[in-house]
């Protein structure tokens, strides 16, 4: 958001600290080496036992891999990570270098950037008397209106819809928020102006994609179901952001269904 009082979209698109789940790649590597040793020893019964053990051992766990342009989410864990482990991963995530640069034409900068580096829109240099908050009816028929054609089952709008922000006669900001009982919230934000956003995430959690035919950036959760997923779409108005405590494929589906 801008430094003029709007909520910042921080750290994987959520205001709370992000968490990170450790990859199980080392376990997989060790399993592969053991497989080779067994095969070379021609111990076929042992191979069968080993494969059975692997099937039990390698239940779906969060993958520490970069998302691809196919917008596939990190698998949801079937095991609840212990609180102590989540705390450790949050601390580890906080120590990682954060990405700053441009992906798919969308500039990503630090939430701690100087005022000169913040994204520019109609409100950037607006005087107080040039800022208005008209009724939501002002959005009707404009590209800034948020009209979803898909919402996940059980989604209900959680707050009275906030009035848009208009600066110098231009609608610069609007948002809508929903919640799903037992799953958490998600929201859609539209921002006029520069195609840029402040994020606080490592590069490995960010990837380029195409959403509804438009260039976009995907932000993977650290642990799906425990952290925010997000999509930032570059469009004619500026950017549209969809984020929340939902699997990334659901977030993408919401973004694809926006009018």
Protein backbone atom coordinates (compact mmCIF):
# COMPACT_ATOMS: atom_id res chain seq x y z
CA UNK A 1 0.00 0.00 0.00
CA UNK A 2 1.09 3.61 0.02
CA UNK A 3 2.63 5.35 2.99
CA UNK A 4 -0.50 7.47 3.29
CA UNK A 5 -2.27 5.25 5.77
CA UNK A 6 -3.38 2.27 3.70
CA UNK A 7 -2.65 -1.20 4.94
CA UNK A 8 0.65 -2.46 3.61
CA UNK A 9 0.72 -5.77 1.82
CA UNK A 10 3.72 -7.28 3.56
CA UNK A 11 5.59 -10.53 3.79
CA UNK A 12 3.75 -12.83 1.39
CA UNK A 13 0.71 -10.54 1.24
CA UNK A 14 -0.31 -10.74 4.88
CA UNK A 15 0.25 -8.34 7.80
CA UNK A 16 1.53 -11.09 10.12
CA UNK A 17 5.02 -12.66 10.06
CA UNK A 18 5.53 -15.35 7.48
CA UNK A 19 6.53 -18.92 8.23
CA UNK A 20 8.58 -21.40 6.22
CA UNK A 21 8.57 -25.17 6.13
CA UNK A 22 11.85 -26.96 5.63
CA UNK A 23 12.12 -29.07 2.52
CA UNK A 24 12.40 -32.80 2.77
CA UNK A 25 14.80 -32.96 -0.17
CA UNK A 26 17.56 -34.40 2.01
CA UNK A 27 15.31 -37.26 3.04
CA UNK A 28 14.48 -37.94 -0.60
CA UNK A 29 18.17 -37.89 -1.58
CA UNK A 30 19.07 -40.37 1.15
CA UNK A 31 16.20 -42.61 0.07
CA UNK A 32 17.42 -42.51 -3.54
CA UNK A 33 20.98 -43.44 -2.53
CA UNK A 34 19.68 -46.32 -0.44
CA UNK A 35 17.59 -47.50 -3.39
CA UNK A 36 20.69 -47.59 -5.61
CA UNK A 37 22.63 -49.59 -3.02
CA UNK A 38 19.83 -52.13 -2.75
CA UNK A 39 19.42 -52.50 -6.50
CA UNK A 40 23.16 -52.91 -7.03
CA UNK A 41 23.11 -55.67 -4.42
CA UNK A 42 20.33 -57.43 -6.35
CA UNK A 43 18.30 -57.74 -3.18
CA UNK A 44 14.87 -57.68 -4.76
CA UNK A 45 12.91 -58.59 -1.60
CA UNK A 46 14.69 -55.77 0.17
CA UNK A 47 13.70 -53.44 -2.65
CA UNK A 48 10.05 -54.29 -2.13
CA UNK A 49 10.32 -53.69 1.60
CA UNK A 50 12.18 -50.43 1.02
CA UNK A 51 9.56 -49.17 -1.41
CA UNK A 52 6.79 -49.99 1.03
CA UNK A 53 8.64 -48.12 3.76
CA UNK A 54 9.13 -45.14 1.45
CA UNK A 55 5.42 -45.06 0.68
CA UNK A 56 4.67 -44.81 4.37
CA UNK A 57 7.48 -42.40 5.13
CA UNK A 58 6.97 -39.97 2.27
CA UNK A 59 3.45 -38.81 2.99
CA UNK A 60 2.68 -35.44 1.35
CA UNK A 61 4.73 -32.74 3.05
CA UNK A 62 5.29 -29.11 2.06
CA UNK A 63 7.68 -28.85 -0.86
CA UNK A 64 10.42 -26.22 -0.84
CA UNK A 65 10.45 -25.58 -4.57
CA UNK A 66 9.79 -22.50 -6.68
CA UNK A 67 6.30 -22.31 -8.15
CA UNK A 68 6.06 -22.64 -11.90
CA UNK A 69 4.06 -20.68 -14.42
CA UNK A 70 1.41 -23.45 -14.27
CA UNK A 71 0.33 -21.96 -10.93
CA UNK A 72 0.57 -25.16 -8.95
CA UNK A 73 0.39 -24.68 -5.21
CA UNK A 74 2.66 -26.25 -2.63
CA UNK A 75 0.79 -29.38 -1.43
CA UNK A 76 -1.15 -28.90 1.77
CA UNK A 77 0.46 -30.83 4.64
CA UNK A 78 -1.38 -33.90 5.87
CA UNK A 79 0.62 -33.70 9.06
CA UNK A 80 0.29 -30.74 11.43
CA UNK A 81 3.78 -29.30 11.99
CA UNK A 82 4.49 -28.86 15.71
CA UNK A 83 4.22 -25.30 17.00
CA UNK A 84 7.92 -25.30 17.91
CA UNK A 85 8.79 -26.31 14.34
CA UNK A 86 6.61 -23.56 12.88
CA UNK A 87 8.25 -21.01 15.17
CA UNK A 88 11.67 -22.20 14.06
CA UNK A 89 10.68 -21.89 10.41
CA UNK A 90 9.28 -18.40 10.94
CA UNK A 91 12.57 -17.36 12.44
CA UNK A 92 14.49 -19.00 9.59
CA UNK A 93 12.30 -17.27 7.01
CA UNK A 94 12.96 -13.90 8.63
CA UNK A 95 16.70 -14.34 8.08
CA UNK A 96 16.43 -15.04 4.34
CA UNK A 97 17.31 -12.30 1.83
CA UNK A 98 14.15 -10.75 0.41
CA UNK A 99 13.56 -10.35 -3.31
CA UNK A 100 13.60 -6.91 -4.91
CA UNK A 101 13.33 -6.49 -8.66
CA UNK A 102 10.91 -6.84 -11.57
CA UNK A 103 9.03 -10.00 -12.55
CA UNK A 104 6.62 -10.08 -15.48
CA UNK A 105 6.70 -6.28 -15.60
CA UNK A 106 5.66 -5.97 -11.93
CA UNK A 107 8.16 -4.14 -9.74
CA UNK A 108 8.65 -5.67 -6.29
CA UNK A 109 10.24 -3.53 -3.60
CA UNK A 110 10.80 -3.71 0.15
CA UNK A 111 8.14 -2.47 2.58
CA UNK A 112 11.01 -0.55 4.19
CA UNK A 113 11.89 1.25 0.96
CA UNK A 114 12.22 5.01 0.94
CA UNK A 115 9.29 7.18 -0.09
CA UNK A 116 10.93 7.73 -3.47
CA UNK A 117 10.81 3.99 -4.17
CA UNK A 118 7.16 3.48 -3.31
CA UNK A 119 4.74 2.86 -6.16
CA UNK A 120 3.22 5.90 -7.78
CA UNK A 121 -0.50 6.49 -8.27
CA UNK A 122 -3.01 9.33 -8.25
CA UNK A 123 -2.66 9.65 -4.47
CA UNK A 124 1.13 9.99 -4.43
CA UNK A 125 1.21 13.78 -4.35
CA UNK A 126 -2.43 14.45 -3.55
CA UNK A 127 -3.27 17.13 -1.03
CA UNK A 128 -5.80 16.29 1.74
CA UNK A 129 -8.49 18.28 0.00
CA UNK A 130 -7.88 16.22 -3.17
CA UNK A 131 -8.69 12.90 -1.44
CA UNK A 132 -12.28 11.66 -1.29
CA UNK A 133 -14.13 8.51 -0.17
CA UNK A 134 -17.35 8.40 -2.18
CA UNK A 135 -20.09 5.81 -1.91
CA UNK A 136 -19.36 2.42 -3.47
CA UNK A 137 -21.91 3.26 -6.15
CA UNK A 138 -19.13 5.35 -7.71
CA UNK A 139 -17.42 2.08 -8.70
CA UNK A 140 -20.29 0.76 -10.81
CA UNK A 141 -19.25 0.19 -14.39
CA UNK A 142 -15.61 1.18 -13.78
CA UNK A 143 -12.53 -1.06 -14.15
CA UNK A 144 -11.87 -0.53 -10.43
CA UNK A 145 -15.03 -2.34 -9.36
CA UNK A 146 -14.43 -5.81 -7.87
CA UNK A 147 -16.94 -8.31 -9.22
CA UNK A 148 -15.99 -11.96 -8.61
CA UNK A 149 -17.58 -14.67 -10.73
CA UNK A 150 -16.08 -17.39 -8.53
CA UNK A 151 -15.86 -17.63 -4.75
CA UNK A 152 -14.87 -20.75 -2.78
CA UNK A 153 -17.73 -22.63 -1.11
CA UNK A 154 -18.72 -21.05 2.21
CA UNK A 155 -17.20 -17.64 1.45
CA UNK A 156 -19.04 -14.72 3.04
CA UNK A 157 -18.13 -11.06 2.91
CA UNK A 158 -16.70 -10.28 6.35
CA UNK A 159 -16.84 -6.50 6.54
CA UNK A 160 -19.13 -3.84 5.15
CA UNK A 161 -17.61 -3.05 1.80
CA UNK A 162 -15.19 -0.18 2.27
CA UNK A 163 -15.62 2.98 0.25
CA UNK A 164 -13.13 3.57 -2.55
CA UNK A 165 -10.30 6.08 -2.31
CA UNK A 166 -10.42 8.80 -4.96
CA UNK A 167 -7.47 11.14 -5.47
CA UNK A 168 -7.57 14.10 -7.83
CA UNK A 169 -10.79 12.75 -9.32
CA UNK A 170 -9.29 9.29 -10.05
CA UNK A 171 -10.37 6.12 -8.25
CA UNK A 172 -7.05 4.93 -6.84
CA UNK A 173 -7.92 2.13 -4.41
CA UNK A 174 -10.71 -0.31 -3.62
CA UNK A 175 -10.98 -3.62 -1.79
CA UNK A 176 -13.34 -6.42 -0.73
CA UNK A 177 -12.82 -9.09 1.95
CA UNK A 178 -14.35 -12.51 2.56
CA UNK A 179 -14.03 -15.24 5.17
CA UNK A 180 -14.61 -18.98 5.23
CA UNK A 181 -15.40 -20.57 8.59
CA UNK A 182 -12.54 -22.78 9.69
CA UNK A 183 -10.24 -21.64 6.88
CA UNK A 184 -9.66 -17.93 7.31
CA UNK A 185 -9.93 -14.80 5.21
CA UNK A 186 -9.03 -13.71 1.71
CA UNK A 187 -9.30 -10.38 -0.03
CA UNK A 188 -9.16 -8.64 -3.40
CA UNK A 189 -7.53 -5.23 -3.84
CA UNK A 190 -7.39 -3.07 -6.95
CA UNK A 191 -4.89 -0.24 -7.16
CA UNK A 192 -4.60 2.36 -9.88
CA UNK A 193 -1.18 3.49 -11.03
CA UNK A 194 2.23 1.88 -11.30
CA UNK A 195 2.43 -1.89 -11.61
CA UNK A 196 4.40 -2.35 -8.41
CA UNK A 197 3.92 -3.79 -4.91
CA UNK A 198 5.82 -4.02 -1.65
CA UNK A 199 6.57 -7.63 -0.63
CA UNK A 200 8.76 -9.15 2.03
CA UNK A 201 9.45 -12.67 0.71
CA UNK A 202 12.48 -14.64 -0.58
CA UNK A 203 12.88 -15.09 -4.32
CA UNK A 204 12.24 -18.85 -4.14
CA UNK A 205 8.61 -18.19 -3.11
CA UNK A 206 7.92 -15.92 -6.08
CA UNK A 207 7.31 -16.93 -9.69
CA UNK A 208 5.98 -15.51 -12.94
CA UNK A 209 2.66 -16.67 -14.34
CA UNK A 210 -0.19 -15.71 -16.65
CA UNK A 211 -3.58 -15.28 -14.98
CA UNK A 212 -6.68 -14.62 -17.09
CA UNK A 213 -4.36 -13.81 -20.00
CA UNK A 214 -2.48 -11.15 -18.03
CA UNK A 215 1.08 -11.13 -16.63
CA UNK A 216 1.15 -11.98 -12.95
CA UNK A 217 3.36 -12.86 -9.99
CA UNK A 218 2.54 -15.80 -7.73
CA UNK A 219 3.56 -15.82 -4.07
CA UNK A 220 3.68 -19.28 -2.52
CA UNK A 221 2.90 -19.83 1.14
CA UNK A 222 5.64 -21.05 3.44
CA UNK A 223 3.34 -23.79 4.67
CA UNK A 224 0.03 -24.10 2.86
CA UNK A 225 -2.83 -23.75 5.27
CA UNK A 226 -0.71 -21.78 7.74
CA UNK A 227 0.32 -18.80 5.60
CA UNK A 228 -0.96 -16.46 2.94
CA UNK A 229 -0.89 -17.32 -0.75
CA UNK A 230 -1.09 -14.49 -3.21
CA UNK A 231 -1.43 -13.39 -6.82
CA UNK A 232 -0.51 -9.96 -8.17
CA UNK A 233 -1.93 -9.31 -11.64
CA UNK A 234 -0.79 -6.48 -13.90
CA UNK A 235 -3.75 -4.94 -15.73
CA UNK A 236 -4.82 -1.75 -17.47
CA UNK A 237 -5.65 0.04 -14.21
CA UNK A 238 -2.45 -0.90 -12.39
CA UNK A 239 -2.53 -4.05 -10.26
CA UNK A 240 -5.10 -6.44 -8.81
CA UNK A 241 -4.06 -8.39 -5.71
CA UNK A 242 -5.79 -11.54 -4.46
CA UNK A 243 -4.43 -13.07 -1.26
CA UNK A 244 -5.50 -15.12 1.71
CA UNK A 245 -5.26 -18.23 3.85
CA UNK A 246 -6.29 -20.50 0.98
CA UNK A 247 -4.39 -22.86 -1.32
CA UNK A 248 -2.67 -20.98 -4.11
CA UNK A 249 -4.74 -22.72 -6.80
CA UNK A 250 -7.92 -21.34 -5.15
CA UNK A 251 -6.41 -17.86 -5.02
CA UNK A 252 -5.58 -18.12 -8.74
CA UNK A 253 -9.09 -19.36 -9.51
CA UNK A 254 -10.59 -16.33 -7.72
CA UNK A 255 -8.28 -14.00 -9.67
CA UNK A 256 -9.17 -15.64 -12.98
CA UNK A 257 -12.86 -15.11 -12.28
CA UNK A 258 -12.69 -11.37 -11.59
CA UNK A 259 -14.48 -9.06 -13.99
